[in-house]
Amino acid sequence: MAVADRLETALLVRETWKRLGLTQVQFAQGLGVRQAQRGE
C-alpha cells in the first residue's frame, strides 16, 4: 500500500510541475538543492 501511495504522489507531483511549466532540468536542480540542504 505504501509503495502505491508513493507512486501516486510522485505522479501527482509530476503532473503539478508540468502545469507549473517546470522543466526536468529545474526538477533535477530542485532535487539537488534538497539533497544539499540535508548535507548529502
Protein backbone atom coordinates (compact mmCIF):
# COMPACT_ATOMS: atom_id res chain seq x y z
CA MET A 1 0.00 0.00 0.00
CA ALA A 2 2.76 2.46 0.97
CA VAL A 3 4.56 1.88 -2.34
CA ALA A 4 1.36 2.55 -4.31
CA ASP A 5 0.76 5.71 -2.29
CA ARG A 6 4.29 6.91 -3.01
CA LEU A 7 3.91 6.20 -6.72
CA GLU A 8 0.61 8.06 -6.80
CA THR A 9 2.18 11.02 -5.02
CA ALA A 10 5.13 11.05 -7.43
CA LEU A 11 2.79 11.09 -10.41
CA LEU A 12 0.70 13.85 -8.83
CA VAL A 13 3.82 15.94 -8.20
CA ARG A 14 4.99 15.45 -11.80
CA GLU A 15 1.56 16.47 -13.11
CA THR A 16 1.57 19.56 -10.90
CA TRP A 17 5.05 20.57 -12.04
CA LYS A 18 4.04 20.11 -15.68
CA ARG A 19 1.16 22.51 -15.10
CA LEU A 20 3.51 24.99 -13.45
CA GLY A 21 5.71 24.76 -16.53
CA LEU A 22 8.81 23.48 -14.77
CA THR A 23 11.27 21.55 -16.88
CA GLN A 24 13.02 18.32 -15.94
CA VAL A 25 16.25 20.31 -15.56
CA GLN A 26 14.65 22.52 -12.91
CA PHE A 27 13.21 19.36 -11.33
CA ALA A 28 16.70 17.84 -11.09
CA GLN A 29 18.14 21.09 -9.73
CA GLY A 30 15.38 21.15 -7.11
CA LEU A 31 16.30 17.63 -6.00
CA GLY A 32 19.99 18.59 -5.90
CA VAL A 33 19.22 21.59 -3.70
CA ARG A 34 17.14 19.44 -1.36
CA GLN A 35 19.93 16.87 -1.01
CA ALA A 36 22.50 19.61 -0.39
CA GLN A 37 20.34 21.04 2.39
CA ARG A 38 20.31 17.61 4.03
CA GLY A 39 24.11 17.59 3.96
CA GLU A 40 24.44 14.72 1.47
